[in-house]
N, C-alpha and C. Protein backbone atom coordinates (compact mmCIF):
# COMPACT_ATOMS: atom_id res chain seq x y z
N MET A 1 84.73 73.51 41.23
CA MET A 1 84.09 72.21 41.17
C MET A 1 84.21 71.57 42.55
N ILE A 2 83.16 70.91 42.95
CA ILE A 2 83.12 70.21 44.22
C ILE A 2 82.92 68.73 43.94
N LEU A 3 83.71 67.91 44.59
CA LEU A 3 83.57 66.46 44.44
C LEU A 3 83.18 65.89 45.80
N LEU A 4 82.11 65.14 45.82
CA LEU A 4 81.58 64.56 47.05
C LEU A 4 81.55 63.04 46.90
N LYS A 5 82.15 62.34 47.86
CA LYS A 5 82.14 60.87 47.82
C LYS A 5 81.42 60.37 49.05
N ILE A 6 80.40 59.57 48.85
CA ILE A 6 79.64 58.98 49.95
C ILE A 6 80.20 57.58 50.20
N THR A 7 80.65 57.33 51.42
CA THR A 7 81.32 56.07 51.71
C THR A 7 80.51 55.12 52.59
N ASN A 8 79.34 55.54 53.04
CA ASN A 8 78.56 54.68 53.92
C ASN A 8 77.12 54.49 53.43
N ALA A 9 76.95 54.35 52.13
CA ALA A 9 75.61 54.24 51.55
C ALA A 9 74.82 53.07 52.13
N SER A 10 75.44 51.93 52.28
CA SER A 10 74.73 50.76 52.82
C SER A 10 74.27 50.99 54.26
N ASP A 11 75.09 51.67 55.04
CA ASP A 11 74.69 51.98 56.42
C ASP A 11 73.48 52.90 56.45
N VAL A 12 73.47 53.88 55.57
CA VAL A 12 72.34 54.82 55.51
C VAL A 12 71.07 54.09 55.08
N VAL A 13 71.18 53.27 54.06
CA VAL A 13 70.01 52.51 53.61
C VAL A 13 69.51 51.60 54.74
N ALA A 14 70.41 50.96 55.44
CA ALA A 14 70.01 50.07 56.54
C ALA A 14 69.31 50.85 57.64
N SER A 15 69.80 52.04 57.97
CA SER A 15 69.19 52.82 59.05
C SER A 15 67.85 53.42 58.64
N LYS A 16 67.68 53.73 57.37
CA LYS A 16 66.45 54.35 56.89
C LYS A 16 65.39 53.31 56.49
N ALA A 17 65.81 52.23 55.88
CA ALA A 17 64.85 51.26 55.34
C ALA A 17 64.85 49.93 56.10
N GLY A 18 65.83 49.73 56.94
CA GLY A 18 65.88 48.49 57.70
C GLY A 18 66.95 47.55 57.20
N LYS A 19 67.42 46.72 58.09
CA LYS A 19 68.50 45.77 57.78
C LYS A 19 68.12 44.78 56.69
N LEU A 20 66.88 44.32 56.69
CA LEU A 20 66.45 43.34 55.69
C LEU A 20 66.58 43.91 54.29
N PHE A 21 66.09 45.14 54.08
CA PHE A 21 66.18 45.78 52.77
C PHE A 21 67.64 45.97 52.37
N GLU A 22 68.48 46.36 53.31
CA GLU A 22 69.90 46.58 53.03
C GLU A 22 70.57 45.29 52.60
N LYS A 23 70.20 44.17 53.21
CA LYS A 23 70.79 42.88 52.85
C LYS A 23 70.34 42.42 51.48
N MET A 24 69.13 42.84 51.06
CA MET A 24 68.59 42.42 49.77
C MET A 24 69.12 43.23 48.60
N THR A 25 69.67 44.42 48.88
CA THR A 25 70.13 45.28 47.80
C THR A 25 71.65 45.29 47.73
N PRO A 26 72.20 45.21 46.53
CA PRO A 26 73.66 45.28 46.38
C PRO A 26 74.19 46.67 46.72
N GLU A 27 75.46 46.73 47.05
CA GLU A 27 76.13 47.99 47.40
C GLU A 27 75.94 49.04 46.32
N MET A 28 76.03 48.64 45.05
CA MET A 28 75.90 49.60 43.95
C MET A 28 74.53 50.28 43.95
N ILE A 29 73.47 49.52 44.23
CA ILE A 29 72.13 50.09 44.26
C ILE A 29 71.99 51.02 45.45
N ASP A 30 72.54 50.62 46.61
CA ASP A 30 72.53 51.48 47.78
C ASP A 30 73.20 52.82 47.46
N GLN A 31 74.34 52.76 46.80
CA GLN A 31 75.08 53.98 46.45
C GLN A 31 74.23 54.88 45.57
N LYS A 32 73.57 54.31 44.57
CA LYS A 32 72.74 55.11 43.66
C LYS A 32 71.56 55.73 44.39
N LEU A 33 70.92 54.97 45.29
CA LEU A 33 69.78 55.50 46.05
C LEU A 33 70.19 56.68 46.91
N VAL A 34 71.28 56.51 47.64
CA VAL A 34 71.75 57.58 48.53
C VAL A 34 72.21 58.78 47.71
N GLU A 35 72.96 58.56 46.64
CA GLU A 35 73.40 59.67 45.80
C GLU A 35 72.21 60.44 45.25
N SER A 36 71.20 59.74 44.80
CA SER A 36 70.02 60.39 44.25
C SER A 36 69.36 61.29 45.27
N GLN A 37 69.21 60.81 46.49
CA GLN A 37 68.58 61.60 47.55
C GLN A 37 69.45 62.79 47.95
N VAL A 38 70.75 62.59 48.05
CA VAL A 38 71.67 63.68 48.40
C VAL A 38 71.64 64.75 47.32
N ILE A 39 71.67 64.35 46.07
CA ILE A 39 71.63 65.31 44.96
C ILE A 39 70.35 66.12 45.01
N GLN A 40 69.21 65.45 45.22
CA GLN A 40 67.94 66.16 45.27
C GLN A 40 67.91 67.19 46.40
N GLN A 41 68.40 66.79 47.57
CA GLN A 41 68.42 67.70 48.71
C GLN A 41 69.39 68.85 48.48
N MET A 42 70.53 68.58 47.86
CA MET A 42 71.49 69.64 47.55
C MET A 42 70.89 70.64 46.57
N ILE A 43 70.23 70.14 45.53
CA ILE A 43 69.61 71.02 44.54
C ILE A 43 68.59 71.94 45.21
N GLU A 44 67.75 71.36 46.06
CA GLU A 44 66.73 72.17 46.74
C GLU A 44 67.37 73.27 47.58
N GLN A 45 68.41 72.95 48.32
CA GLN A 45 69.07 73.94 49.17
C GLN A 45 69.81 75.00 48.35
N LEU A 46 70.48 74.57 47.29
CA LEU A 46 71.21 75.52 46.44
C LEU A 46 70.26 76.47 45.74
N GLN A 47 69.11 75.98 45.30
CA GLN A 47 68.12 76.84 44.67
C GLN A 47 67.58 77.86 45.66
N LEU A 48 67.38 77.46 46.91
CA LEU A 48 66.91 78.40 47.94
C LEU A 48 67.91 79.54 48.13
N GLU A 49 69.18 79.26 47.94
CA GLU A 49 70.23 80.28 48.06
C GLU A 49 70.38 81.11 46.79
N GLY A 50 69.64 80.77 45.74
CA GLY A 50 69.72 81.52 44.50
C GLY A 50 70.84 81.07 43.57
N LEU A 51 71.46 79.96 43.90
CA LEU A 51 72.56 79.47 43.06
C LEU A 51 72.02 78.69 41.87
N LYS A 52 72.76 78.75 40.77
CA LYS A 52 72.44 77.97 39.58
C LYS A 52 73.68 77.18 39.20
N GLY A 53 73.48 76.00 38.66
CA GLY A 53 74.62 75.19 38.28
C GLY A 53 74.21 73.82 37.82
N GLN A 54 75.10 72.88 38.04
CA GLN A 54 74.90 71.53 37.55
C GLN A 54 75.54 70.55 38.54
N ILE A 55 74.85 69.45 38.80
CA ILE A 55 75.40 68.38 39.64
C ILE A 55 75.42 67.11 38.79
N SER A 56 76.55 66.45 38.78
CA SER A 56 76.69 65.22 38.02
C SER A 56 77.00 64.06 38.95
N SER A 57 76.43 62.91 38.64
CA SER A 57 76.76 61.67 39.34
C SER A 57 77.63 60.85 38.39
N VAL A 58 78.82 60.50 38.84
CA VAL A 58 79.76 59.77 37.98
C VAL A 58 80.24 58.50 38.66
N LYS A 59 80.68 57.58 37.84
CA LYS A 59 81.25 56.32 38.31
C LYS A 59 82.64 56.20 37.70
N GLY A 60 83.62 55.76 38.49
CA GLY A 60 84.95 55.52 37.95
C GLY A 60 85.97 56.61 38.24
N LEU A 61 85.72 57.43 39.26
CA LEU A 61 86.69 58.45 39.68
C LEU A 61 87.24 58.09 41.04
N GLU A 62 88.52 58.36 41.24
CA GLU A 62 89.14 58.20 42.54
C GLU A 62 90.08 59.38 42.78
N ILE A 63 90.23 59.72 44.04
CA ILE A 63 91.22 60.74 44.41
C ILE A 63 92.26 60.06 45.28
N ASN A 64 93.51 60.21 44.88
CA ASN A 64 94.63 59.66 45.63
C ASN A 64 95.58 60.81 45.91
N GLU A 65 95.55 61.29 47.17
CA GLU A 65 96.32 62.47 47.57
C GLU A 65 95.93 63.64 46.67
N ASP A 66 96.82 64.14 45.83
CA ASP A 66 96.51 65.29 44.96
C ASP A 66 96.20 64.87 43.54
N ASN A 67 95.98 63.59 43.29
CA ASN A 67 95.76 63.10 41.94
C ASN A 67 94.32 62.66 41.73
N LEU A 68 93.75 63.05 40.61
CA LEU A 68 92.44 62.58 40.21
C LEU A 68 92.65 61.45 39.22
N ILE A 69 92.10 60.29 39.53
CA ILE A 69 92.30 59.10 38.70
C ILE A 69 90.97 58.72 38.06
N THR A 70 90.99 58.58 36.75
CA THR A 70 89.80 58.10 36.05
C THR A 70 90.05 56.67 35.62
N LYS A 71 89.10 55.82 35.94
CA LYS A 71 89.21 54.41 35.56
C LYS A 71 88.68 54.22 34.15
N SER A 72 89.03 53.11 33.54
CA SER A 72 88.57 52.83 32.18
C SER A 72 87.05 52.67 32.13
N SER A 73 86.44 52.40 33.28
CA SER A 73 84.98 52.26 33.33
C SER A 73 84.28 53.58 33.66
N PHE A 74 85.00 54.71 33.52
CA PHE A 74 84.44 56.03 33.84
C PHE A 74 83.14 56.25 33.09
N LYS A 75 82.13 56.68 33.82
CA LYS A 75 80.82 56.90 33.21
C LYS A 75 80.08 58.00 33.96
N ILE A 76 79.45 58.90 33.24
CA ILE A 76 78.58 59.89 33.84
C ILE A 76 77.21 59.25 33.94
N ARG A 77 76.73 59.05 35.18
CA ARG A 77 75.44 58.40 35.39
C ARG A 77 74.28 59.35 35.18
N SER A 78 74.40 60.58 35.67
CA SER A 78 73.32 61.54 35.49
C SER A 78 73.84 62.95 35.65
N ILE A 79 73.15 63.89 35.04
CA ILE A 79 73.46 65.31 35.16
C ILE A 79 72.16 66.03 35.47
N LYS A 80 72.17 66.82 36.53
CA LYS A 80 70.99 67.60 36.92
C LYS A 80 71.38 69.07 36.90
N THR A 81 70.61 69.86 36.18
CA THR A 81 70.82 71.30 36.14
C THR A 81 69.81 71.96 37.06
N PHE A 82 70.26 72.96 37.81
CA PHE A 82 69.36 73.67 38.70
C PHE A 82 69.53 75.17 38.54
């Protein structure tokens, strides 16, 4: 299993769509937009390599050193099979 955390979603949205759009959208929406695009690009590349699997977008996970922490608000936002 691979876990990927994007920590600069607002910066990416600002650089791609402009500062005005970034200021109008909350951090949570920026995160979802960037995650969606990253997932789509990953799926395309993994399929080109002949890999099959599943990518999930989740909310409420944290990694602290060697510990995986699930918050009470843990939620699977989406699952994409490729």
